[in-house]
């Protein structure tokens, strides 16, 4: 997963174009590397799914 792909997915989620995105277990570390670099990182919430995948949503207020 490349940086531009991660950026596009996160922007779609932030802009409300999609309700959630699911990241496969194999892509998680690479995805997270780009996610934590964002200024709005705390607005994204990841929920672990069975099998190691993670579903991300965008919050209206940042996590603490």
N, C-alpha and C. Protein backbone atom coordinates (compact mmCIF):
# COMPACT_ATOMS: atom_id res chain seq x y z
N UNK A 1 0.84 -1.17 0.00
CA UNK A 1 0.00 0.00 0.00
C UNK A 1 0.89 1.24 0.00
N UNK A 2 0.68 2.12 -0.97
CA UNK A 2 1.51 3.30 -1.12
C UNK A 2 0.91 4.49 -0.40
N UNK A 3 1.73 5.48 -0.16
CA UNK A 3 1.29 6.66 0.57
C UNK A 3 0.10 7.35 -0.10
N UNK A 4 0.12 7.46 -1.42
CA UNK A 4 -0.99 8.14 -2.12
C UNK A 4 -2.30 7.36 -1.97
N UNK A 5 -2.22 6.03 -1.93
CA UNK A 5 -3.42 5.20 -1.73
C UNK A 5 -4.00 5.43 -0.33
N UNK A 6 -3.12 5.45 0.66
CA UNK A 6 -3.55 5.68 2.04
C UNK A 6 -4.15 7.08 2.16
N UNK A 7 -3.50 8.06 1.59
CA UNK A 7 -3.99 9.43 1.63
C UNK A 7 -5.39 9.52 1.03
N UNK A 8 -5.59 8.90 -0.13
CA UNK A 8 -6.90 8.94 -0.79
C UNK A 8 -7.98 8.27 0.07
N UNK A 9 -7.68 7.12 0.65
CA UNK A 9 -8.63 6.43 1.50
C UNK A 9 -9.01 7.28 2.71
N UNK A 10 -8.02 7.87 3.35
CA UNK A 10 -8.27 8.67 4.54
C UNK A 10 -9.04 9.95 4.22
N UNK A 11 -8.75 10.55 3.09
CA UNK A 11 -9.49 11.75 2.68
C UNK A 11 -10.95 11.42 2.36
N UNK A 12 -11.20 10.28 1.72
CA UNK A 12 -12.57 9.85 1.44
C UNK A 12 -13.34 9.66 2.74
N UNK A 13 -12.69 9.06 3.71
CA UNK A 13 -13.31 8.84 5.02
C UNK A 13 -13.58 10.17 5.73
N UNK A 14 -12.61 11.04 5.71
CA UNK A 14 -12.73 12.35 6.37
C UNK A 14 -13.84 13.18 5.73
N UNK A 15 -13.94 13.14 4.42
CA UNK A 15 -14.92 13.96 3.70
C UNK A 15 -16.32 13.35 3.67
N UNK A 16 -16.48 12.18 4.27
CA UNK A 16 -17.78 11.54 4.31
C UNK A 16 -18.19 10.81 3.05
N UNK A 17 -17.26 10.63 2.14
CA UNK A 17 -17.55 9.90 0.90
C UNK A 17 -17.79 8.42 1.18
N UNK A 18 -17.13 7.90 2.21
CA UNK A 18 -17.35 6.53 2.68
C UNK A 18 -17.54 6.57 4.19
N UNK A 19 -18.31 5.63 4.71
CA UNK A 19 -18.60 5.60 6.15
C UNK A 19 -17.47 4.96 6.94
N UNK A 20 -16.84 3.94 6.36
CA UNK A 20 -15.72 3.28 7.02
C UNK A 20 -14.83 2.63 5.98
N UNK A 21 -13.60 2.38 6.38
CA UNK A 21 -12.67 1.64 5.52
C UNK A 21 -12.13 0.48 6.34
N UNK A 22 -11.90 -0.62 5.66
CA UNK A 22 -11.36 -1.81 6.32
C UNK A 22 -9.98 -2.08 5.75
N UNK A 23 -9.03 -2.20 6.65
CA UNK A 23 -7.63 -2.46 6.28
C UNK A 23 -7.30 -3.90 6.64
N UNK A 24 -6.75 -4.61 5.68
CA UNK A 24 -6.37 -6.00 5.89
C UNK A 24 -5.18 -6.10 6.83
N UNK A 25 -5.13 -7.19 7.54
CA UNK A 25 -4.06 -7.47 8.51
C UNK A 25 -2.68 -7.27 7.88
N UNK A 26 -2.51 -7.72 6.66
CA UNK A 26 -1.22 -7.67 5.99
C UNK A 26 -0.79 -6.23 5.66
N UNK A 27 -1.75 -5.32 5.52
CA UNK A 27 -1.47 -3.94 5.13
C UNK A 27 -1.45 -2.99 6.32
N UNK A 28 -1.80 -3.48 7.50
CA UNK A 28 -2.00 -2.61 8.66
C UNK A 28 -0.78 -1.78 9.02
N UNK A 29 0.38 -2.36 9.16
CA UNK A 29 1.57 -1.63 9.61
C UNK A 29 1.95 -0.53 8.62
N UNK A 30 1.86 -0.84 7.35
CA UNK A 30 2.19 0.15 6.33
C UNK A 30 1.15 1.28 6.34
N UNK A 31 -0.12 0.93 6.48
CA UNK A 31 -1.19 1.91 6.54
C UNK A 31 -1.02 2.82 7.76
N UNK A 32 -0.78 2.23 8.90
CA UNK A 32 -0.67 2.98 10.16
C UNK A 32 0.50 3.95 10.13
N UNK A 33 1.57 3.57 9.46
CA UNK A 33 2.74 4.44 9.34
C UNK A 33 2.35 5.81 8.77
N UNK A 34 1.49 5.81 7.76
CA UNK A 34 1.05 7.07 7.15
C UNK A 34 -0.06 7.73 7.97
N UNK A 35 -0.89 6.95 8.60
CA UNK A 35 -1.99 7.49 9.40
C UNK A 35 -1.47 8.34 10.56
N UNK A 36 -0.50 7.83 11.30
CA UNK A 36 -0.01 8.54 12.49
C UNK A 36 0.73 9.83 12.15
N UNK A 37 1.12 10.02 10.91
CA UNK A 37 1.81 11.24 10.49
C UNK A 37 0.84 12.40 10.26
N UNK A 38 -0.45 12.11 10.18
CA UNK A 38 -1.45 13.14 9.90
C UNK A 38 -1.73 14.01 11.12
N UNK A 39 -2.03 15.28 10.86
CA UNK A 39 -2.38 16.21 11.94
C UNK A 39 -3.71 15.83 12.58
N UNK A 40 -4.62 15.23 11.81
CA UNK A 40 -5.94 14.86 12.33
C UNK A 40 -6.01 13.39 12.75
N UNK A 41 -4.87 12.82 13.09
CA UNK A 41 -4.77 11.41 13.46
C UNK A 41 -5.79 11.01 14.53
N UNK A 42 -6.02 11.85 15.52
CA UNK A 42 -6.90 11.50 16.64
C UNK A 42 -8.38 11.47 16.27
N UNK A 43 -8.72 11.89 15.07
CA UNK A 43 -10.11 11.84 14.63
C UNK A 43 -10.46 10.47 14.03
N UNK A 44 -9.45 9.68 13.74
CA UNK A 44 -9.68 8.35 13.17
C UNK A 44 -9.75 7.32 14.29
N UNK A 45 -10.77 6.48 14.23
CA UNK A 45 -10.91 5.41 15.24
C UNK A 45 -10.84 4.08 14.52
N UNK A 46 -9.92 3.23 14.98
CA UNK A 46 -9.77 1.90 14.43
C UNK A 46 -10.36 0.86 15.37
N UNK A 47 -11.14 -0.04 14.82
CA UNK A 47 -11.74 -1.11 15.61
C UNK A 47 -11.25 -2.44 15.04
N UNK A 48 -10.62 -3.23 15.91
CA UNK A 48 -10.09 -4.52 15.48
C UNK A 48 -11.23 -5.48 15.14
N UNK A 49 -11.06 -6.18 14.05
CA UNK A 49 -12.04 -7.17 13.61
C UNK A 49 -11.45 -8.56 13.77
N UNK A 50 -12.31 -9.52 13.78
CA UNK A 50 -11.86 -10.91 13.87
C UNK A 50 -10.96 -11.22 12.67
N UNK A 51 -9.86 -11.85 12.93
CA UNK A 51 -8.93 -12.22 11.86
C UNK A 51 -7.80 -11.23 11.68
N UNK A 52 -7.82 -10.12 12.43
CA UNK A 52 -6.71 -9.18 12.37
C UNK A 52 -6.93 -7.95 11.51
N UNK A 53 -8.05 -7.86 10.81
CA UNK A 53 -8.34 -6.66 10.02
C UNK A 53 -8.78 -5.54 10.96
N UNK A 54 -8.73 -4.30 10.46
CA UNK A 54 -9.12 -3.15 11.27
C UNK A 54 -10.07 -2.27 10.46
N UNK A 55 -11.20 -1.89 11.07
CA UNK A 55 -12.16 -0.99 10.44
C UNK A 55 -11.98 0.40 11.02
N UNK A 56 -11.80 1.39 10.15
CA UNK A 56 -11.60 2.77 10.58
C UNK A 56 -12.83 3.61 10.27
N UNK A 57 -13.17 4.49 11.21
CA UNK A 57 -14.21 5.48 11.01
C UNK A 57 -13.61 6.84 11.35
N UNK A 58 -14.32 7.91 10.95
CA UNK A 58 -13.85 9.26 11.25
C UNK A 58 -14.80 9.88 12.26
N UNK A 59 -14.25 10.44 13.33
CA UNK A 59 -15.03 11.01 14.41
C UNK A 59 -15.20 12.51 14.25
N UNK A 60 -16.26 13.06 14.80
CA UNK A 60 -16.48 14.50 14.74
C UNK A 60 -15.64 15.24 15.79
N UNK A 61 -15.26 14.53 16.86
CA UNK A 61 -14.37 15.10 17.87
C UNK A 61 -13.18 14.16 18.06
N UNK A 62 -12.01 14.70 18.37
CA UNK A 62 -10.83 13.85 18.50
C UNK A 62 -10.88 12.95 19.74
N UNK A 63 -10.22 11.80 19.61
CA UNK A 63 -10.06 10.91 20.76
C UNK A 63 -9.16 11.60 21.78
N UNK A 64 -9.26 11.19 23.01
CA UNK A 64 -8.40 11.80 24.04
C UNK A 64 -7.07 11.09 24.11
